[in-house]
Amino acid sequence: MFKTALKLIFLFTFISSSAQYSPQLEIALKKAGNNRSELEKALKHFSGKNNELKFKAMDFLITNMDIHHTSDYYWENSSGQKIAYSELEYTDFEQAKEAFIRLKEQNPGIKPVPVILKDIETITADFLIKNLEKAFKSWQDTPLKNISFNDFCEYILPYRIDVEPIQEWRSSYSEKFKWIDKEISSKGFSEVLPYVKDDYDKWFTNTWGEQRKEPLPRLSALQLLQRKQGPCPDIADLGVFIMRSQGIPATVNVIPFWATSTGGHFMNTFFGDQMKENYCDYGAKSFEEKLQREPAKVLRKTYSKNPNTLASFEDIRKIPPGILQQQNYIDVTKDFWDTRDVSCSLYQTYNKSKIVYATTFNGLIWQPFWWGTIINNETVFTSICKETVIIPQYFINGKLVPAGPPVVVGSNDNKILVPDLNERRDIVLAEKEKYLKFKLGVSYRLFYWQDGWKIAGIQNVSTAVSELKFEKVPKNALLLLVASDTKQLERPFTVGDDGSRTWY
């Protein structure tokens, strides 16, 4: 009888505690496993009547926490034993590197071991409580006007930005950059932003496209202050940490791929009074207000889940690697470039794909950057930048498979590029500054696209020339000229009836 009573009391207590949670929060708590008690401790800390807003903020963090994780690593010796080392234990990065050199000498065969740590399973109540309290204080103290609670939750409150190791960063950043709020009070928000870039330039080095040797996709907030260097993803993260520490809403905009160039980019949006957007590219050489070239997409990072993302309903194993596998972003491309929705007819297929991807040519390969649903062998890709070229492709068994011909996205309509093998012509490709320069001893291969790059001709440069002639090239084709000493920067192009070239 006594045991039965205990069971009933436990059951009643469990039901009572669960009843206060929304269905979404309860789902997240169940995913926490053994860490549920830590998350509930954080919720309970703000459960009083005077803490309703803070409770809602903690609810927001935990409800959306299951999609977030840390991508980090530790060092292991040749015997498989973990080696204790933290660069943040040293006064500066140079001392940390010297200490690591000694560590390597003492442990031959030392190697990094990547780890993934899920926030929902590892984060502590103490960390969440401190982060929330400091975020609220910065929000209350900010000189900005009319920043709503919802905007606070999305763009000030979050303790992380991407997959960086999480740390208590607000105290260090709040003190180091407190001058920003003072300057805003006297000069105004937008007028202060260039000064922030000037401050960056004094102490932080842009390493332009650097690939770190360590398996660390993003530096932590305190590593950014310690190392004082990093490429544009780290610079964009740094901007967010700085601004959020001062109660300024901030986020990262991701360009996964340029549509008319190679590579991608990261930059910031900072929000001023009444959430007025300010685009800031602190990774650029100058403080610009506009993009200088067409992006494939501009995707704004959020902390919360967006139900309109592909990963919110599709198995990520069926999604190409990259940001499309994430759930926390919104498409803001049309805020940065002229766009329009693009309808595409697709090849008849017998696979069961319900999704097709828009791909852009980047680094000599087609890269998936957006998606559309398939209805009656057709799809619509939303907000595609004008004056770019895309190819619709399926993603089957980890590989891209052409689903239609190239599409040139014009201002008002599309041009479909299907090579006419019955209508051929000779074309002359002349040098063009910044685009094409013929070099002695280099061979040039001309390709046209027909569900793969097909060779149209080869020319070897043995004497100084300013143009090359290729014979019997199909009309209405997407073309590509690749040098034997390629640096993978070549761009596709078309040739009009008058011989003019258009590069994409």
Protein backbone atom coordinates (compact mmCIF):
# COMPACT_ATOMS: atom_id res chain seq x y z
CA MET A 1 0.00 0.00 0.00
CA PHE A 2 2.82 2.39 0.91
CA LYS A 3 4.70 1.61 -2.35
CA THR A 4 1.53 2.16 -4.35
CA ALA A 5 1.03 5.56 -2.72
CA LEU A 6 4.62 6.54 -3.55
CA LYS A 7 4.09 5.57 -7.18
CA LEU A 8 0.92 7.66 -7.34
CA ILE A 9 2.67 10.65 -5.79
CA PHE A 10 5.53 10.34 -8.29
CA LEU A 11 3.10 10.00 -11.20
CA PHE A 12 1.09 13.03 -10.04
CA THR A 13 4.27 15.07 -9.61
CA PHE A 14 5.49 14.11 -13.11
CA ILE A 15 2.14 14.95 -14.71
CA SER A 16 1.92 18.25 -12.83
CA SER A 17 5.43 19.32 -13.85
CA SER A 18 4.87 18.31 -17.47
CA ALA A 19 1.50 20.06 -17.66
CA GLN A 20 3.14 23.50 -17.42
CA TYR A 21 5.11 22.92 -20.61
CA SER A 22 3.96 23.46 -24.16
CA PRO A 23 3.89 20.37 -26.41
CA GLN A 24 6.94 21.70 -28.31
CA LEU A 25 8.91 22.24 -25.11
CA GLU A 26 7.98 18.80 -23.82
CA ILE A 27 9.25 17.24 -27.06
CA ALA A 28 12.60 19.00 -26.62
CA LEU A 29 12.86 17.93 -22.98
CA LYS A 30 12.28 14.30 -23.91
CA LYS A 31 15.17 14.52 -26.38
CA ALA A 32 17.45 15.72 -23.58
CA GLY A 33 17.57 12.25 -21.99
CA ASN A 34 19.64 12.35 -18.82
CA ASN A 35 20.15 16.10 -19.27
CA ARG A 36 16.44 16.84 -18.81
CA SER A 37 16.94 17.66 -15.13
CA GLU A 38 19.43 20.42 -16.03
CA LEU A 39 17.02 22.00 -18.48
CA GLU A 40 14.13 21.79 -16.05
CA LYS A 41 16.32 23.38 -13.39
CA ALA A 42 16.83 26.33 -15.73
CA LEU A 43 13.08 26.56 -16.38
CA LYS A 44 12.24 26.30 -12.68
CA HIS A 45 14.67 29.13 -11.91
CA PHE A 46 12.34 31.49 -13.81
CA SER A 47 9.00 29.91 -12.88
CA GLY A 48 7.83 32.68 -10.50
CA LYS A 49 5.12 35.20 -11.38
CA ASN A 50 7.66 38.01 -11.65
CA ASN A 51 9.70 36.05 -14.20
CA GLU A 52 7.10 35.27 -16.86
CA LEU A 53 9.07 36.95 -19.66
CA LYS A 54 12.29 35.23 -18.64
CA PHE A 55 10.49 31.89 -18.47
CA LYS A 56 9.22 32.43 -22.02
CA ALA A 57 12.76 33.25 -23.12
CA MET A 58 14.11 30.05 -21.56
CA ASP A 59 11.25 28.13 -23.16
CA PHE A 60 12.32 29.60 -26.52
CA LEU A 61 15.94 28.52 -26.07
CA ILE A 62 15.14 24.97 -25.00
CA THR A 63 12.32 24.39 -27.50
CA ASN A 64 14.72 25.16 -30.37
CA MET A 65 17.81 23.63 -28.77
CA ASP A 66 17.55 20.15 -30.31
CA ILE A 67 18.82 21.35 -33.72
CA HIS A 68 22.02 22.85 -32.29
CA HIS A 69 25.37 21.26 -31.58
CA THR A 70 29.07 21.93 -31.11
CA SER A 71 31.61 20.67 -33.63
CA ASP A 72 34.87 20.48 -31.69
CA TYR A 73 37.87 18.20 -31.15
CA TYR A 74 40.38 17.05 -28.57
CA TRP A 75 43.94 15.73 -28.81
CA GLU A 76 44.80 12.07 -28.40
CA ASN A 77 48.22 10.39 -28.12
CA SER A 78 49.37 7.29 -30.01
CA SER A 79 47.99 5.08 -27.21
CA GLY A 80 44.51 6.53 -27.59
CA GLN A 81 44.69 8.55 -24.38
CA LYS A 82 43.15 12.02 -24.26
CA ILE A 83 45.72 14.82 -23.85
CA ALA A 84 44.71 17.80 -21.73
CA TYR A 85 45.26 21.05 -23.63
CA SER A 86 43.33 24.32 -23.89
CA GLU A 87 44.70 27.33 -25.73
CA LEU A 88 42.56 29.61 -23.55
CA GLU A 89 44.66 28.76 -20.51
CA TYR A 90 47.47 30.90 -21.95
CA THR A 91 47.87 34.66 -21.98
CA ASP A 92 47.83 34.91 -25.75
CA PHE A 93 47.75 32.73 -28.85
CA GLU A 94 51.51 32.80 -29.37
CA GLN A 95 52.08 31.31 -25.92
CA ALA A 96 49.39 28.73 -26.62
CA LYS A 97 51.14 27.68 -29.86
CA GLU A 98 54.50 27.41 -28.12
CA ALA A 99 52.94 25.25 -25.43
CA PHE A 100 51.40 23.00 -28.06
CA ILE A 101 54.76 22.54 -29.81
CA ARG A 102 56.18 21.28 -26.51
CA LEU A 103 53.14 19.04 -26.11
CA LYS A 104 53.78 17.47 -29.52
CA GLU A 105 57.42 16.83 -28.65
CA GLN A 106 56.35 15.06 -25.47
CA ASN A 107 53.65 13.04 -27.26
CA PRO A 108 54.85 11.74 -30.66
CA GLY A 109 51.96 10.70 -32.87
CA ILE A 110 49.48 13.08 -31.26
CA LYS A 111 46.34 13.53 -33.38
CA PRO A 112 43.07 15.50 -33.25
CA VAL A 113 39.83 13.61 -32.60
CA PRO A 114 36.66 15.38 -33.83
CA VAL A 115 33.62 15.35 -31.54
CA ILE A 116 29.99 16.40 -31.89
CA LEU A 117 28.25 17.58 -28.71
CA LYS A 118 24.49 18.03 -28.84
CA ASP A 119 23.35 21.08 -26.86
CA ILE A 120 20.16 19.40 -25.70
CA GLU A 121 22.19 16.59 -24.10
CA THR A 122 25.10 18.52 -22.63
CA ILE A 123 24.25 22.12 -21.77
CA THR A 124 23.94 23.03 -18.08
CA ALA A 125 21.33 24.98 -16.17
CA ASP A 126 23.95 27.31 -14.72
CA PHE A 127 25.19 28.26 -18.20
CA LEU A 128 21.67 28.91 -19.51
CA ILE A 129 20.66 30.99 -16.49
CA LYS A 130 23.76 33.20 -16.64
CA ASN A 131 23.40 33.67 -20.41
CA LEU A 132 19.76 34.66 -20.09
CA GLU A 133 20.30 37.09 -17.21
CA LYS A 134 23.14 38.88 -19.02
CA ALA A 135 21.20 38.96 -22.29
CA PHE A 136 18.23 40.57 -20.54
CA LYS A 137 20.48 43.16 -18.92
CA SER A 138 22.05 44.10 -22.26
CA TRP A 139 18.57 44.35 -23.83
CA GLN A 140 17.36 46.60 -21.03
CA ASP A 141 20.47 48.80 -21.19
CA THR A 142 20.72 49.20 -24.97
CA PRO A 143 20.24 52.72 -26.36
CA LEU A 144 18.21 51.24 -29.23
CA LYS A 145 14.46 51.78 -29.28
CA ASN A 146 11.56 49.39 -29.88
CA ILE A 147 13.29 46.01 -29.90
CA SER A 148 10.47 43.56 -29.28
CA PHE A 149 10.65 40.49 -27.07
CA ASN A 150 10.42 38.18 -30.09
CA ASP A 151 13.32 39.96 -31.81
CA PHE A 152 15.27 39.87 -28.55
CA CYS A 153 14.80 36.09 -28.38
CA GLU A 154 15.91 35.54 -31.96
CA TYR A 155 18.81 37.96 -32.30
CA ILE A 156 20.15 38.86 -28.82
CA LEU A 157 19.37 36.00 -26.44
CA PRO A 158 21.00 33.01 -28.21
CA TYR A 159 24.18 31.69 -26.61
CA ARG A 160 25.55 30.41 -29.92
CA ILE A 161 25.63 31.33 -33.62
CA ASP A 162 26.63 28.21 -35.54
CA VAL A 163 28.53 25.06 -34.46
CA GLU A 164 31.27 26.81 -32.46
CA PRO A 165 32.23 25.52 -28.98
CA ILE A 166 29.94 27.25 -26.50
CA GLN A 167 31.37 29.37 -23.70
CA GLU A 168 30.33 32.12 -21.32
CA TRP A 169 31.32 34.97 -23.61
CA ARG A 170 28.99 37.81 -22.69
CA SER A 171 31.05 39.17 -19.78
CA SER A 172 34.27 39.51 -21.80
CA TYR A 173 32.54 41.02 -24.82
CA SER A 174 30.33 43.30 -22.79
CA GLU A 175 33.34 44.90 -21.12
CA LYS A 176 35.62 45.03 -24.18
CA PHE A 177 33.04 46.64 -26.44
CA LYS A 178 31.03 48.79 -24.01
CA TRP A 179 32.21 51.85 -25.93
CA ILE A 180 29.76 50.95 -28.72
CA ASP A 181 26.65 51.74 -26.68
CA LYS A 182 28.18 55.03 -25.54
CA GLU A 183 28.96 55.99 -29.14
CA ILE A 184 25.44 55.06 -30.28
CA SER A 185 23.95 57.32 -27.63
CA SER A 186 25.94 60.29 -28.93
CA LYS A 187 26.30 59.61 -32.69
CA GLY A 188 23.42 57.32 -33.64
CA PHE A 189 23.41 53.64 -34.59
CA SER A 190 24.24 53.60 -38.31
CA GLU A 191 26.96 56.23 -37.86
CA VAL A 192 28.79 54.01 -35.36
CA LEU A 193 28.96 50.87 -37.54
CA PRO A 194 31.99 52.02 -39.60
CA TYR A 195 33.83 52.68 -36.34
CA VAL A 196 33.27 49.04 -35.36
CA LYS A 197 34.99 47.94 -38.58
CA ASP A 198 37.84 50.35 -37.86
CA ASP A 199 38.19 48.71 -34.45
CA TYR A 200 38.29 45.23 -36.06
CA ASP A 201 40.99 46.29 -38.45
CA LYS A 202 43.26 47.39 -35.60
CA TRP A 203 43.43 44.03 -33.84
CA PHE A 204 41.80 41.29 -35.96
CA THR A 205 43.45 39.82 -39.09
CA ASN A 206 41.30 38.64 -41.97
CA THR A 207 42.90 35.41 -43.23
CA TRP A 208 40.85 35.42 -46.48
CA GLY A 209 39.63 31.92 -47.31
CA GLU A 210 42.01 30.15 -44.94
CA GLN A 211 41.29 26.49 -44.28
CA ARG A 212 42.24 25.58 -40.74
CA LYS A 213 44.35 22.44 -40.36
CA GLU A 214 42.49 21.52 -37.18
CA PRO A 215 38.98 19.99 -37.45
CA LEU A 216 37.28 23.11 -36.12
CA PRO A 217 34.67 24.61 -38.48
CA ARG A 218 34.14 27.73 -36.37
CA LEU A 219 36.14 29.40 -33.62
CA SER A 220 34.47 29.90 -30.26
CA ALA A 221 33.70 33.40 -29.02
CA LEU A 222 36.71 33.46 -26.70
CA GLN A 223 39.00 31.90 -29.31
CA LEU A 224 38.18 34.84 -31.59
CA LEU A 225 39.47 37.23 -28.94
CA GLN A 226 42.48 35.01 -28.23
CA ARG A 227 43.60 34.24 -31.80
CA LYS A 228 42.71 37.64 -33.26
CA GLN A 229 42.50 36.16 -36.74
CA GLY A 230 40.18 34.21 -39.00
CA PRO A 231 38.39 34.18 -42.39
CA CYS A 232 34.99 35.71 -43.14
CA PRO A 233 32.85 33.08 -41.31
CA ASP A 234 34.73 33.88 -38.09
CA ILE A 235 34.60 37.63 -38.77
CA ALA A 236 30.83 37.45 -39.21
CA ASP A 237 30.49 35.49 -35.97
CA LEU A 238 32.68 38.04 -34.19
CA GLY A 239 30.34 40.82 -35.29
CA VAL A 240 27.36 38.99 -33.80
CA PHE A 241 29.06 38.31 -30.47
CA ILE A 242 30.09 41.96 -30.22
CA MET A 243 26.68 43.40 -31.01
CA ARG A 244 24.63 40.98 -28.95
CA SER A 245 26.84 41.67 -25.93
CA GLN A 246 25.65 45.29 -26.18
CA GLY A 247 21.97 44.39 -26.56
CA ILE A 248 22.02 44.99 -30.32
CA PRO A 249 20.12 42.44 -32.46
CA ALA A 250 22.54 40.82 -34.89
CA THR A 251 22.86 37.83 -37.17
CA VAL A 252 24.95 36.22 -39.91
CA ASN A 253 23.95 36.14 -43.58
CA VAL A 254 25.35 33.17 -45.49
CA ILE A 255 26.04 33.16 -49.22
CA PRO A 256 26.68 29.43 -49.70
CA PHE A 257 27.93 30.06 -53.25
CA TRP A 258 28.40 33.03 -55.54
CA ALA A 259 26.33 32.65 -58.70
CA THR A 260 28.83 34.38 -61.00
CA SER A 261 32.10 33.75 -59.20
CA THR A 262 33.89 31.10 -57.15
CA GLY A 263 33.44 30.49 -53.43
CA GLY A 264 30.90 31.90 -50.99
CA HIS A 265 30.72 34.51 -48.27
CA PHE A 266 29.52 35.43 -44.78
CA MET A 267 28.48 38.88 -43.59
CA ASN A 268 26.20 40.52 -41.04
CA THR A 269 22.90 42.22 -40.57
CA PHE A 270 22.72 44.46 -37.49
CA PHE A 271 19.35 45.86 -36.45
CA GLY A 272 18.93 49.42 -35.25
CA ASP A 273 15.94 51.28 -33.82
CA GLN A 274 12.65 49.54 -34.60
CA MET A 275 14.65 46.67 -36.11
CA LYS A 276 15.83 48.70 -39.09
CA GLU A 277 18.23 46.46 -41.00
CA ASN A 278 21.84 47.49 -41.59
CA TYR A 279 23.90 45.27 -43.89
CA CYS A 280 27.54 45.17 -42.82
CA ASP A 281 30.34 43.29 -44.53
CA TYR A 282 33.21 43.63 -42.08
CA GLY A 283 35.14 40.96 -43.97
CA ALA A 284 35.35 43.20 -47.05
CA LYS A 285 38.24 45.54 -47.76
CA SER A 286 35.94 48.55 -47.59
CA PHE A 287 32.68 49.32 -45.80
CA GLU A 288 30.15 48.65 -48.55
CA GLU A 289 26.38 48.95 -48.56
CA LYS A 290 25.75 46.52 -51.43
CA LEU A 291 26.96 43.19 -52.74
CA GLN A 292 29.34 43.47 -55.66
CA ARG A 293 28.24 40.31 -57.50
CA GLU A 294 25.28 37.97 -57.80
CA PRO A 295 24.79 35.52 -54.91
CA ALA A 296 23.21 32.13 -55.52
CA LYS A 297 21.31 32.73 -52.27
CA VAL A 298 21.53 34.90 -49.17
CA LEU A 299 20.31 32.92 -46.15
CA ARG A 300 19.92 34.64 -42.78
CA LYS A 301 20.77 32.51 -39.76
CA THR A 302 18.25 32.27 -36.93
CA TYR A 303 18.34 30.40 -33.64
CA SER A 304 14.80 29.08 -33.97
CA LYS A 305 13.53 26.47 -36.38
CA ASN A 306 11.93 27.65 -39.60
CA PRO A 307 9.14 25.28 -40.73
CA ASN A 308 9.68 26.38 -44.35
CA THR A 309 13.19 24.94 -44.58
CA LEU A 310 13.68 21.73 -46.51
CA ALA A 311 15.26 19.98 -43.52
CA SER A 312 12.14 20.62 -41.44
CA PHE A 313 10.29 17.89 -43.35
CA GLU A 314 12.87 16.02 -45.48
CA ASP A 315 15.33 13.40 -44.22
CA ILE A 316 18.71 15.19 -44.18
CA ARG A 317 20.32 12.06 -45.66
CA LYS A 318 18.42 12.90 -48.82
CA ILE A 319 19.65 16.51 -48.80
CA PRO A 320 23.05 17.52 -50.23
CA PRO A 321 25.61 18.52 -47.55
CA GLY A 322 25.60 22.17 -46.58
CA ILE A 323 23.25 24.75 -45.16
CA LEU A 324 20.20 23.15 -46.78
CA GLN A 325 20.53 20.40 -44.16
CA GLN A 326 19.83 23.00 -41.46
CA GLN A 327 16.46 24.21 -40.17
CA ASN A 328 17.40 27.63 -38.78
CA TYR A 329 17.60 30.15 -41.63
CA ILE A 330 15.36 32.37 -43.73
CA ASP A 331 15.79 33.35 -47.37
CA VAL A 332 16.57 37.08 -47.69
CA THR A 333 18.08 37.02 -51.19
CA LYS A 334 15.60 39.53 -52.58
CA ASP A 335 16.79 42.07 -50.00
CA PHE A 336 20.25 42.01 -51.62
CA TRP A 337 19.67 41.45 -55.35
CA ASP A 338 16.95 41.55 -58.02
CA THR A 339 15.29 38.16 -58.05
CA ARG A 340 12.33 36.34 -59.47
CA ASP A 341 10.72 32.92 -59.21
CA VAL A 342 11.88 30.52 -61.91
CA SER A 343 9.70 27.78 -63.37
CA CYS A 344 11.51 24.77 -64.81
CA SER A 345 10.28 21.82 -66.85
CA LEU A 346 12.03 18.61 -65.83
CA TYR A 347 13.02 15.44 -67.59
CA GLN A 348 10.67 12.49 -67.22
CA THR A 349 12.05 10.38 -64.39
CA TYR A 350 11.12 7.11 -62.77
CA ASN A 351 12.85 7.79 -59.47
CA LYS A 352 10.73 8.68 -56.46
CA SER A 353 12.29 12.08 -55.88
CA LYS A 354 9.86 14.73 -54.70
CA ILE A 355 12.54 17.40 -54.47
CA VAL A 356 14.76 18.90 -57.17
CA TYR A 357 17.70 21.25 -56.58
CA ALA A 358 18.79 24.44 -58.26
CA THR A 359 22.55 24.25 -58.87
CA THR A 360 25.05 26.97 -59.69
CA PHE A 361 28.47 26.61 -61.31
CA ASN A 362 31.12 27.24 -58.69
CA GLY A 363 34.70 25.94 -58.53
CA LEU A 364 34.29 24.04 -61.84
CA ILE A 365 31.38 21.96 -60.49
CA TRP A 366 27.65 22.43 -60.14
CA GLN A 367 26.72 23.17 -56.53
CA PRO A 368 23.21 22.77 -55.06
CA PHE A 369 21.98 25.94 -53.37
CA TRP A 370 18.17 25.83 -53.40
CA TRP A 371 15.28 23.45 -53.92
CA GLY A 372 11.77 23.07 -55.25
CA THR A 373 9.03 20.49 -55.04
CA ILE A 374 8.16 18.45 -58.12
CA ILE A 375 4.61 18.61 -59.48
CA ASN A 376 3.85 17.00 -62.86
CA ASN A 377 7.52 17.09 -63.91
CA GLU A 378 7.80 20.78 -63.16
CA THR A 379 9.15 22.88 -60.31
CA VAL A 380 9.46 26.49 -59.21
CA PHE A 381 12.64 27.80 -57.61
CA THR A 382 11.84 30.88 -55.52
CA SER A 383 13.81 34.15 -55.46
CA ILE A 384 16.59 33.31 -57.92
CA CYS A 385 18.96 36.14 -58.84
CA LYS A 386 18.48 37.58 -62.30
CA GLU A 387 21.22 37.30 -64.94
CA THR A 388 22.48 33.97 -63.57
CA VAL A 389 22.43 30.43 -64.95
CA ILE A 390 21.17 27.38 -63.09
CA ILE A 391 20.65 23.70 -63.77
CA PRO A 392 17.91 21.69 -62.02
CA GLN A 393 19.30 18.43 -60.63
CA TYR A 394 18.13 15.49 -58.54
CA PHE A 395 20.13 14.22 -55.57
CA ILE A 396 20.15 10.44 -55.85
CA ASN A 397 22.36 8.10 -53.80
CA GLY A 398 24.61 10.98 -52.80
CA LYS A 399 25.10 12.27 -56.35
CA LEU A 400 23.62 15.06 -58.44
CA VAL A 401 21.80 13.93 -61.59
CA PRO A 402 20.66 16.46 -64.24
CA ALA A 403 16.90 16.96 -64.16
CA GLY A 404 16.72 19.50 -66.97
CA PRO A 405 18.81 21.72 -69.25
CA PRO A 406 20.57 24.94 -68.15
CA VAL A 407 18.30 27.91 -67.56
CA VAL A 408 19.44 31.51 -67.95
CA VAL A 409 17.39 33.63 -65.55
CA GLY A 410 16.57 36.85 -67.38
CA SER A 411 14.89 39.95 -66.09
CA ASN A 412 11.44 38.83 -67.22
CA ASP A 413 11.76 35.36 -68.71
CA ASN A 414 14.02 32.33 -69.01
CA LYS A 415 16.26 31.13 -71.79
CA ILE A 416 16.61 27.36 -72.04
CA LEU A 417 20.01 26.24 -73.30
CA VAL A 418 19.67 23.00 -75.25
CA PRO A 419 22.61 22.61 -77.67
CA ASP A 420 21.48 22.35 -81.29
CA LEU A 421 23.71 19.61 -82.71
CA ASN A 422 22.30 20.20 -86.20
CA GLU A 423 23.11 23.90 -86.18
CA ARG A 424 26.82 24.49 -85.63
CA ARG A 425 29.09 27.46 -86.22
CA ASP A 426 32.63 28.66 -85.80
CA ILE A 427 33.24 31.00 -82.86
CA VAL A 428 36.16 33.25 -82.03
CA LEU A 429 37.03 33.83 -78.40
CA ALA A 430 39.07 36.96 -77.85
CA GLU A 431 40.95 37.94 -74.73
CA LYS A 432 39.10 40.11 -72.27
CA GLU A 433 40.60 41.98 -69.35
CA LYS A 434 39.85 40.33 -65.98
CA TYR A 435 38.11 37.43 -67.73
CA LEU A 436 40.44 35.77 -70.22
CA LYS A 437 44.14 35.95 -71.07
CA PHE A 438 45.82 33.37 -73.32
CA LYS A 439 49.21 32.12 -72.17
CA LEU A 440 52.03 30.48 -74.07
CA GLY A 441 52.40 26.73 -73.57
CA VAL A 442 48.85 26.36 -72.28
CA SER A 443 46.12 24.36 -74.01
CA TYR A 444 42.47 25.43 -73.91
CA ARG A 445 39.54 23.06 -74.10
CA LEU A 446 36.09 24.29 -75.06
CA PHE A 447 33.10 22.39 -73.67
CA TYR A 448 29.34 22.60 -74.16
CA TRP A 449 26.79 21.29 -71.65
CA GLN A 450 24.52 18.42 -72.59
CA ASP A 451 23.73 16.72 -69.25
CA GLY A 452 27.49 16.81 -68.74
CA TRP A 453 30.38 18.75 -70.25
CA LYS A 454 31.07 17.57 -73.83
CA ILE A 455 34.29 18.52 -75.62
CA ALA A 456 33.83 20.96 -78.51
CA GLY A 457 37.47 21.56 -79.36
CA ILE A 458 41.05 21.97 -78.14
CA GLN A 459 43.53 24.72 -79.00
CA ASN A 460 47.20 24.78 -77.99
CA VAL A 461 48.86 28.17 -77.64
CA SER A 462 52.38 27.94 -79.08
CA THR A 463 52.72 31.56 -80.21
CA ALA A 464 51.43 34.81 -78.77
CA VAL A 465 47.73 35.21 -79.65
CA SER A 466 44.87 37.42 -78.54
CA GLU A 467 42.07 35.15 -79.78
CA LEU A 468 41.29 31.50 -80.45
CA LYS A 469 38.95 30.01 -83.03
CA PHE A 470 36.82 26.92 -82.38
CA GLU A 471 34.96 25.23 -85.22
CA LYS A 472 31.54 23.56 -85.41
CA VAL A 473 30.32 24.58 -81.97
CA PRO A 474 26.60 23.83 -81.35
CA LYS A 475 24.31 26.83 -81.20
CA ASN A 476 22.20 27.63 -78.11
CA ALA A 477 24.72 25.96 -75.81
CA LEU A 478 26.17 26.82 -72.42
CA LEU A 479 29.93 26.89 -72.97
CA LEU A 480 33.01 26.58 -70.78
CA LEU A 481 36.65 27.25 -71.68
CA VAL A 482 39.12 25.48 -69.37
CA ALA A 483 42.88 26.06 -69.39
CA SER A 484 45.34 23.21 -68.81
CA ASP A 485 46.78 25.22 -65.90
CA THR A 486 43.36 25.91 -64.45
CA LYS A 487 42.91 27.40 -61.00
CA GLN A 488 39.22 26.36 -61.12
CA LEU A 489 38.07 29.94 -61.58
CA GLU A 490 36.64 29.56 -65.11
CA ARG A 491 33.07 30.73 -65.68
CA PRO A 492 30.44 29.39 -68.11
CA PHE A 493 29.24 31.66 -70.91
CA THR A 494 27.06 31.90 -73.98
CA VAL A 495 27.86 33.30 -77.44
CA GLY A 496 25.18 35.26 -79.28
CA ASP A 497 24.49 35.18 -83.01
CA ASP A 498 26.58 38.33 -83.35
CA GLY A 499 29.56 36.69 -81.60
CA SER A 500 29.09 38.55 -78.31
CA ARG A 501 29.81 36.68 -75.08
CA THR A 502 27.84 36.75 -71.85
CA TRP A 503 29.63 35.40 -68.80
CA TYR A 504 27.85 33.87 -65.80
